Protein backbone atom coordinates (compact mmCIF):
# COMPACT_ATOMS: atom_id res chain seq x y z
CA UNK A 1 -91.98 34.17 48.98
CA UNK A 2 -91.27 37.33 47.00
CA UNK A 3 -94.07 39.11 48.87
CA UNK A 4 -92.55 38.14 52.23
CA UNK A 5 -89.09 39.34 51.16
CA UNK A 6 -90.51 42.66 50.03
CA UNK A 7 -92.34 43.10 53.34
CA UNK A 8 -89.12 42.25 55.20
CA UNK A 9 -87.29 44.91 53.15
CA UNK A 10 -90.01 47.44 53.96
CA UNK A 11 -89.75 46.61 57.66
CA UNK A 12 -85.97 47.04 57.60
CA UNK A 13 -86.31 50.32 55.68
CA UNK A 14 -88.76 51.53 58.32
CA UNK A 15 -86.24 50.71 61.01
CA UNK A 16 -83.68 52.67 59.02
CA UNK A 17 -85.95 55.72 59.08
CA UNK A 18 -86.01 55.58 62.88
CA UNK A 19 -82.22 55.38 62.95
CA UNK A 20 -82.10 58.31 60.52
CA UNK A 21 -84.36 60.34 62.81
CA UNK A 22 -82.14 59.48 65.76
CA UNK A 23 -79.08 60.68 63.86
CA UNK A 24 -80.65 63.80 62.39
CA UNK A 25 -81.89 65.26 65.66
CA UNK A 26 -78.45 65.62 67.27
CA UNK A 27 -76.82 66.51 63.95
CA UNK A 28 -79.35 69.30 63.40
CA UNK A 29 -78.73 70.61 66.89
CA UNK A 30 -74.98 70.73 66.21
CA UNK A 31 -74.78 72.04 62.63
CA UNK A 32 -78.24 73.51 62.02
CA UNK A 33 -81.35 71.80 60.73
CA UNK A 34 -80.98 72.78 57.09
CA UNK A 35 -77.29 71.84 57.06
CA UNK A 36 -78.12 68.44 58.54
CA UNK A 37 -80.81 67.94 55.91
CA UNK A 38 -78.43 68.94 53.13
CA UNK A 39 -75.77 66.55 54.43
CA UNK A 40 -78.21 63.63 54.33
CA UNK A 41 -79.16 64.38 50.74
CA UNK A 42 -75.55 64.95 49.67
CA UNK A 43 -74.45 61.59 51.05
CA UNK A 44 -77.46 59.91 49.45
CA UNK A 45 -76.83 61.57 46.09
CA UNK A 46 -73.19 60.50 46.15
CA UNK A 47 -74.08 56.90 46.96
CA UNK A 48 -76.77 56.79 44.27
CA UNK A 49 -74.39 58.33 41.74
CA UNK A 50 -71.84 55.66 42.54
CA UNK A 51 -74.48 52.92 42.29
CA UNK A 52 -75.55 54.20 38.85
CA UNK A 53 -72.04 53.54 37.57
CA UNK A 54 -72.68 49.82 38.09
CA UNK A 55 -76.20 49.71 36.67
CA UNK A 56 -75.95 48.28 33.16
CA UNK A 57 -79.01 50.02 31.74
CA UNK A 58 -79.38 53.58 32.98
CA UNK A 59 -82.60 55.36 32.08
CA UNK A 60 -81.94 58.88 33.28
CA UNK A 61 -82.93 60.30 29.89
CA UNK A 62 -86.46 58.95 30.35
CA UNK A 63 -86.71 60.84 33.62
CA UNK A 64 -87.08 64.17 31.83
CA UNK A 65 -89.80 62.83 29.53
CA UNK A 66 -92.13 62.13 32.45
CA UNK A 67 -94.93 64.46 33.53
CA UNK A 68 -93.45 67.15 35.77
CA UNK A 69 -95.88 66.44 38.61
CA UNK A 70 -94.21 63.04 39.09
CA UNK A 71 -91.02 64.87 40.08
CA UNK A 72 -92.73 66.75 42.93
CA UNK A 73 -91.75 63.87 45.21
CA UNK A 74 -88.36 65.56 45.31
CA UNK A 75 -89.97 68.36 47.31
CA UNK A 76 -91.44 65.98 49.86
CA UNK A 77 -88.14 64.31 50.81
CA UNK A 78 -86.44 67.44 52.17
CA UNK A 79 -89.64 68.50 53.96
CA UNK A 80 -89.78 65.09 55.63
CA UNK A 81 -86.12 65.21 56.67
CA UNK A 82 -86.42 68.78 57.99
CA UNK A 83 -89.43 67.74 60.09
CA UNK A 84 -87.44 64.76 61.43
CA UNK A 85 -84.54 67.04 62.27
CA UNK A 86 -86.75 69.56 64.08
CA UNK A 87 -89.14 67.18 65.84
CA UNK A 88 -86.83 64.44 67.10
CA UNK A 89 -84.93 66.52 69.69
CA UNK A 90 -88.21 67.96 70.98
CA UNK A 91 -90.52 64.94 71.19
CA UNK A 92 -88.13 62.00 70.74
CA UNK A 93 -87.65 59.42 68.04
CA UNK A 94 -90.63 57.28 69.08
CA UNK A 95 -93.25 60.01 69.04
CA UNK A 96 -91.80 61.52 65.86
CA UNK A 97 -92.00 58.20 64.05
CA UNK A 98 -95.50 57.35 65.32
CA UNK A 99 -96.67 60.81 64.22
CA UNK A 100 -95.13 60.33 60.81
CA UNK A 101 -96.60 56.84 60.61
CA UNK A 102 -100.05 58.24 61.41
CA UNK A 103 -99.81 60.69 58.56
CA UNK A 104 -98.42 58.06 56.20
CA UNK A 105 -101.22 55.61 56.96
CA UNK A 106 -103.95 58.24 56.60
CA UNK A 107 -102.58 59.50 53.27
CA UNK A 108 -101.91 55.95 52.05
CA UNK A 109 -105.47 54.92 52.79
CA UNK A 110 -106.83 57.84 50.77
CA UNK A 111 -104.43 57.14 47.87
CA UNK A 112 -105.38 53.44 47.85
CA UNK A 113 -109.10 54.06 48.28
CA UNK A 114 -109.38 56.54 45.41
CA UNK A 115 -106.62 55.11 43.22
CA UNK A 116 -104.77 58.42 43.19
CA UNK A 117 -101.30 58.87 41.68
CA UNK A 118 -101.75 55.90 39.37
CA UNK A 119 -102.14 53.33 42.13
CA UNK A 120 -104.61 50.49 41.98
CA UNK A 121 -107.85 51.13 43.88
CA UNK A 122 -108.01 49.28 47.18
CA UNK A 123 -111.13 50.23 49.07
CA UNK A 124 -110.79 51.16 52.72
CA UNK A 125 -112.51 48.69 55.02
CA UNK A 126 -113.15 48.55 58.74
CA UNK A 127 -109.85 46.78 59.44
CA UNK A 128 -107.82 49.56 57.86
CA UNK A 129 -109.78 52.24 59.69
CA UNK A 130 -109.30 50.32 62.96
CA UNK A 131 -105.55 50.10 62.29
CA UNK A 132 -105.36 53.87 61.74
CA UNK A 133 -107.37 54.51 64.91
CA UNK A 134 -105.00 52.27 66.90
CA UNK A 135 -101.98 54.12 65.53
CA UNK A 136 -103.58 57.45 66.48
CA UNK A 137 -104.27 56.07 69.96
CA UNK A 138 -100.60 55.05 70.19
CA UNK A 139 -99.61 58.60 69.24
CA UNK A 140 -101.91 60.02 71.90
CA UNK A 141 -100.54 57.59 74.53
CA UNK A 142 -96.94 58.47 73.75
């Protein structure tokens, strides 16, 4: 049951990313792509800061004791949002999201296969390769 709830949450979050792309494209056209990206992160930072007030056991101090390479994910978020902001008005939400999905699946398969970034090794099989190929076909068809 927990597994199904987590997958449902992931599905809903994925839908949220498409909505975010749909919002960022027009916002970037109106206020500039970097300003739109900054606004998304400012709103997110404010909401997370507010949420931290209600978390009984904050562990922000432990954050700075982690290896620095773990914090490089903070670079990837703005890059992702800037790409959404630039691509969506040009190719549309659908093609943008399928393109992003293609890259996510390809990178995820490599991370799983080799156990990179501390993840458990999950060898790539024919089904996973077929799924990636079908997603790439979908991108080509769009």
